[in-house]
Amino acid sequence: MGRIVLDKADGVATITVDSPEVKNGLTPEMGRELVAVCEDVDADPQIGAAVVKGAAGTFCSGADRRRWQPGADQAEDETYRNSGAVYQAFVRVGKLAVPTIAAVRGAAVGAGLNLALATDLRIVAEDARLLAGFLRIGLHPGGGFFTLAGRTAGREATAAMGLFSQEIDGRRAVEIGLAWAAVPDAEVEETAHRLAAGPAKDPALAREAVRSFRTELGPPGIGWEAAVEFERATQMWSQRRRNSS
């Protein structure tokens, strides 16, 4: 099974989603590990920035299909708690006390795209694949996707990706405001860490600055946690419906 790996160096925490046999698909256990790693980062005053990445050259393919049960009763207690563990991991990443950067190589799909959007900034490979793709497989979006995408790329791009399942590459992500920079694949993680090194020089200031940044800029509309719950019931319905069709 996969794991979440935490490394710390020079004031930067590197959080790696490590499950390469399924292109870094997330399990509920990994969601809980991700929350624990975030707690560790927040408790360390020497950390002033964090980079989130995937192992083995890809970011995250979404939910680990080996554990995914779309036809199961999504309101059953264990199933509900397990899906919630993944969703709450996104929210926890978004609440890290330090500025965060997603280093996106390969693919960021479904829940994996949500994880990338949970960060403050994204550096993407020019040939990265970014796809929400929920409707394409008969599911309602989850994890607060519309809130996450809307606060970066705006309404038009969020509609294209969330309602019409349009896939984009890294260059297009920069054009629509979904990412800050698109660079060759081999330079993604180096670029992310170079940017993270700036705020990491003064962790106390970085933490105060990012708190102000998020408080002042939002996201607007309903809150992120409310968006997760707002989407969840309909996604559960779509999972059951998909399995029975």
Protein backbone atom coordinates (compact mmCIF):
# COMPACT_ATOMS: atom_id res chain seq x y z
CA MET A 1 0.00 0.00 0.00
CA GLY A 2 1.03 3.58 -0.47
CA ARG A 3 2.45 6.04 2.00
CA ILE A 4 3.05 9.72 2.58
CA VAL A 5 6.71 10.65 3.00
CA LEU A 6 7.89 13.78 4.81
CA ASP A 7 11.38 15.23 4.37
CA LYS A 8 12.67 18.44 5.90
CA ALA A 9 15.68 20.43 4.74
CA ASP A 10 16.67 24.10 4.89
CA GLY A 11 13.32 25.21 6.21
CA VAL A 12 11.31 23.44 3.48
CA ALA A 13 9.06 20.43 4.09
CA THR A 14 8.70 18.09 1.12
CA ILE A 15 5.53 16.00 1.23
CA THR A 16 5.53 13.09 -1.22
CA VAL A 17 2.58 10.94 -2.22
CA ASP A 18 4.28 7.59 -2.70
CA SER A 19 2.25 4.83 -4.32
CA PRO A 20 3.81 4.55 -7.77
CA GLU A 21 2.27 1.18 -8.63
CA VAL A 22 -1.06 3.00 -9.00
CA LYS A 23 0.43 6.34 -10.12
CA ASN A 24 0.17 7.66 -6.58
CA GLY A 25 -3.50 6.94 -6.10
CA LEU A 26 -4.73 7.89 -2.63
CA THR A 27 -6.18 5.51 -0.05
CA PRO A 28 -8.07 6.54 3.10
CA GLU A 29 -5.02 5.53 5.14
CA MET A 30 -2.85 7.84 3.05
CA GLY A 31 -5.37 10.61 3.62
CA ARG A 32 -4.98 10.16 7.36
CA GLU A 33 -1.19 10.05 7.01
CA LEU A 34 -1.31 13.29 5.04
CA VAL A 35 -3.23 14.96 7.86
CA ALA A 36 -0.65 13.70 10.39
CA VAL A 37 2.22 14.97 8.24
CA CYS A 38 0.59 18.40 8.07
CA GLU A 39 0.34 18.45 11.86
CA ASP A 40 4.06 17.64 12.02
CA VAL A 41 4.93 20.49 9.66
CA ASP A 42 2.81 23.00 11.54
CA ALA A 43 4.38 22.00 14.85
CA ASP A 44 7.91 22.66 13.57
CA PRO A 45 8.70 26.39 13.77
CA GLN A 46 11.80 25.90 11.62
CA ILE A 47 9.66 25.11 8.57
CA GLY A 48 8.69 28.10 6.43
CA ALA A 49 7.36 26.48 3.25
CA ALA A 50 6.17 23.13 1.90
CA VAL A 51 6.34 21.40 -1.48
CA VAL A 52 3.79 18.69 -2.31
CA LYS A 53 4.78 16.21 -4.99
CA GLY A 54 4.28 12.66 -6.21
CA ALA A 55 6.81 9.87 -6.41
CA ALA A 56 8.31 8.42 -9.59
CA GLY A 57 7.54 11.28 -11.94
CA THR A 58 3.79 11.63 -11.56
CA PHE A 59 1.67 13.69 -9.19
CA CYS A 60 -1.50 11.79 -8.25
CA SER A 61 -3.99 9.75 -10.25
CA GLY A 62 -6.86 10.32 -7.80
CA ALA A 63 -8.37 7.65 -5.59
CA ASP A 64 -6.64 4.27 -5.48
CA ARG A 65 -8.97 2.16 -7.61
CA ARG A 66 -8.03 -0.96 -5.65
CA ARG A 67 -9.88 0.49 -2.67
CA TRP A 68 -12.53 2.46 -4.52
CA GLN A 69 -16.06 1.08 -4.26
CA PRO A 70 -18.36 3.42 -6.19
CA GLY A 71 -21.28 1.00 -5.97
CA ALA A 72 -21.07 0.53 -2.22
CA ASP A 73 -23.51 2.27 0.10
CA GLN A 74 -21.68 5.58 0.42
CA ALA A 75 -23.64 6.46 3.56
CA GLU A 76 -22.50 3.28 5.35
CA ASP A 77 -20.36 4.38 8.29
CA GLU A 78 -16.97 2.95 7.31
CA THR A 79 -17.32 3.88 3.63
CA TYR A 80 -18.39 7.41 4.56
CA ARG A 81 -15.48 7.84 6.97
CA ASN A 82 -12.97 6.50 4.46
CA SER A 83 -13.98 8.86 1.67
CA GLY A 84 -14.04 11.68 4.21
CA ALA A 85 -10.44 10.89 5.19
CA VAL A 86 -9.28 11.68 1.65
CA TYR A 87 -11.39 14.83 1.37
CA GLN A 88 -10.27 16.19 4.71
CA ALA A 89 -6.64 15.62 3.74
CA PHE A 90 -7.10 18.16 0.93
CA VAL A 91 -8.57 20.66 3.35
CA ARG A 92 -5.73 20.07 5.81
CA VAL A 93 -3.11 20.68 3.12
CA GLY A 94 -4.92 23.90 2.29
CA LYS A 95 -4.66 24.95 5.94
CA LEU A 96 -0.95 24.28 6.38
CA ALA A 97 0.58 27.11 8.38
CA VAL A 98 3.23 27.73 5.72
CA PRO A 99 3.12 28.73 2.04
CA THR A 100 2.64 25.63 -0.13
CA ILE A 101 3.62 24.71 -3.69
CA ALA A 102 2.48 21.71 -5.73
CA ALA A 103 5.19 20.31 -8.01
CA VAL A 104 3.08 18.63 -10.70
CA ARG A 105 4.70 16.13 -13.04
CA GLY A 106 2.91 13.50 -15.08
CA ALA A 107 -0.80 13.45 -14.28
CA ALA A 108 -3.02 15.15 -11.72
CA VAL A 109 -6.43 13.55 -12.17
CA GLY A 110 -9.66 13.74 -10.16
CA ALA A 111 -8.79 13.75 -6.49
CA GLY A 112 -5.16 14.27 -7.52
CA LEU A 113 -6.10 17.54 -9.21
CA ASN A 114 -7.92 18.57 -6.04
CA LEU A 115 -4.72 17.92 -4.07
CA ALA A 116 -2.73 20.15 -6.42
CA LEU A 117 -5.37 22.87 -6.19
CA ALA A 118 -5.27 22.69 -2.39
CA THR A 119 -1.86 24.38 -2.40
CA ASP A 120 -1.13 28.09 -2.68
CA LEU A 121 0.86 27.84 -5.92
CA ARG A 122 1.49 25.29 -8.65
CA ILE A 123 4.58 24.60 -10.76
CA VAL A 124 3.70 22.18 -13.54
CA ALA A 125 5.51 20.26 -16.24
CA GLU A 126 4.83 21.61 -19.71
CA ASP A 127 3.48 18.20 -20.69
CA ALA A 128 1.62 17.50 -17.43
CA ARG A 129 -1.94 16.19 -17.76
CA LEU A 130 -4.54 17.96 -15.61
CA LEU A 131 -8.01 16.47 -15.68
CA ALA A 132 -10.97 16.64 -13.32
CA GLY A 133 -12.79 14.02 -15.36
CA PHE A 134 -15.54 13.24 -12.86
CA LEU A 135 -18.47 13.48 -15.29
CA ARG A 136 -16.50 11.53 -17.88
CA ILE A 137 -16.74 8.44 -15.64
CA GLY A 138 -20.27 9.11 -14.45
CA LEU A 139 -19.48 10.79 -11.14
CA HIS A 140 -20.36 14.11 -9.60
CA PRO A 141 -17.26 16.11 -8.58
CA GLY A 142 -16.11 15.80 -4.99
CA GLY A 143 -13.62 17.33 -2.60
CA GLY A 144 -14.88 20.86 -3.22
CA PHE A 145 -13.55 20.85 -6.79
CA PHE A 146 -15.65 23.79 -8.01
CA THR A 147 -14.51 25.97 -5.11
CA LEU A 148 -10.88 24.98 -5.56
CA ALA A 149 -10.77 25.48 -9.32
CA GLY A 150 -12.93 28.59 -9.26
CA ARG A 151 -10.61 30.46 -6.92
CA THR A 152 -7.68 30.02 -9.31
CA ALA A 153 -8.83 29.55 -12.90
CA GLY A 154 -12.20 31.32 -12.68
CA ARG A 155 -15.67 30.37 -13.82
CA GLU A 156 -15.02 29.64 -17.51
CA ALA A 157 -12.12 27.25 -16.99
CA THR A 158 -13.84 25.60 -14.04
CA ALA A 159 -16.87 24.93 -16.22
CA ALA A 160 -14.71 23.50 -19.01
CA MET A 161 -12.86 21.18 -16.65
CA GLY A 162 -15.58 20.34 -14.16
CA LEU A 163 -18.68 20.17 -16.37
CA PHE A 164 -17.20 19.26 -19.74
CA SER A 165 -14.22 17.14 -18.59
CA GLN A 166 -11.70 19.07 -20.64
CA GLU A 167 -8.11 17.98 -20.12
CA ILE A 168 -5.32 20.54 -20.22
CA ASP A 169 -1.54 20.42 -20.23
CA GLY A 170 0.84 22.48 -18.16
CA ARG A 171 1.17 25.28 -20.67
CA ARG A 172 -2.59 25.72 -20.84
CA ALA A 173 -2.80 25.61 -17.04
CA VAL A 174 -0.58 28.70 -16.90
CA GLU A 175 -2.62 30.46 -19.58
CA ILE A 176 -5.85 30.10 -17.59
CA GLY A 177 -4.32 30.93 -14.22
CA LEU A 178 -4.39 27.41 -12.79
CA ALA A 179 -0.60 27.37 -12.35
CA TRP A 180 2.19 29.88 -11.96
CA ALA A 181 4.80 28.38 -14.28
CA ALA A 182 5.17 25.51 -16.74
CA VAL A 183 8.71 24.18 -17.12
CA PRO A 184 10.34 21.08 -18.62
CA ASP A 185 9.48 17.97 -16.63
CA ALA A 186 13.00 17.53 -15.26
CA GLU A 187 12.95 21.07 -13.81
CA VAL A 188 9.60 20.98 -11.97
CA GLU A 189 10.74 19.93 -8.52
CA GLU A 190 13.90 22.04 -8.62
CA THR A 191 11.84 25.09 -9.58
CA ALA A 192 9.32 24.45 -6.81
CA HIS A 193 12.04 24.08 -4.21
CA ARG A 194 13.83 27.19 -5.43
CA LEU A 195 10.64 29.20 -4.94
CA ALA A 196 9.98 27.59 -1.54
CA ALA A 197 13.47 28.55 -0.37
CA GLY A 198 12.46 32.23 -0.30
CA PRO A 199 9.84 32.15 2.47
CA ALA A 200 11.72 29.32 4.18
CA LYS A 201 14.46 31.78 5.12
CA ASP A 202 12.10 33.43 7.62
CA PRO A 203 9.52 30.89 8.80
CA ALA A 204 7.82 33.20 11.29
CA LEU A 205 7.25 35.88 8.66
CA ALA A 206 6.17 33.29 6.07
CA ARG A 207 3.51 31.92 8.41
CA GLU A 208 2.11 35.36 9.13
CA ALA A 209 2.15 36.32 5.46
CA VAL A 210 0.31 33.21 4.28
CA ARG A 211 -2.28 33.63 7.01
CA SER A 212 -3.02 37.13 5.73
CA PHE A 213 -2.97 35.95 2.11
CA ARG A 214 -5.63 33.29 2.68
CA THR A 215 -7.77 35.44 4.95
CA GLU A 216 -7.87 38.31 2.45
CA LEU A 217 -8.26 36.33 -0.79
CA GLY A 218 -10.63 33.59 0.22
CA PRO A 219 -11.87 31.49 -1.73
CA PRO A 220 -15.13 33.42 -2.17
CA GLY A 221 -18.59 31.88 -2.27
CA ILE A 222 -19.31 29.15 0.23
CA GLY A 223 -16.40 27.97 2.32
CA TRP A 224 -14.26 25.07 1.22
CA GLU A 225 -15.33 22.71 3.99
CA ALA A 226 -18.97 23.53 3.24
CA ALA A 227 -18.28 22.85 -0.45
CA VAL A 228 -16.91 19.40 0.39
CA GLU A 229 -20.12 18.49 2.20
CA PHE A 230 -22.31 20.22 -0.38
CA GLU A 231 -20.85 18.09 -3.18
CA ARG A 232 -20.63 14.92 -1.19
CA ALA A 233 -24.24 13.73 -1.08
CA THR A 234 -24.62 14.15 -4.84
CA GLN A 235 -21.33 12.38 -5.47
CA MET A 236 -22.51 9.47 -3.30
CA TRP A 237 -25.69 9.32 -5.39
CA SER A 238 -23.66 9.33 -8.60
CA GLN A 239 -21.41 6.52 -7.34
CA ARG A 240 -24.39 4.30 -6.57
CA ARG A 241 -26.05 5.22 -9.87
CA ARG A 242 -22.88 4.51 -11.85
CA ASN A 243 -22.54 1.03 -10.42
CA SER A 244 -26.15 0.09 -11.12
CA SER A 245 -26.17 1.25 -14.74
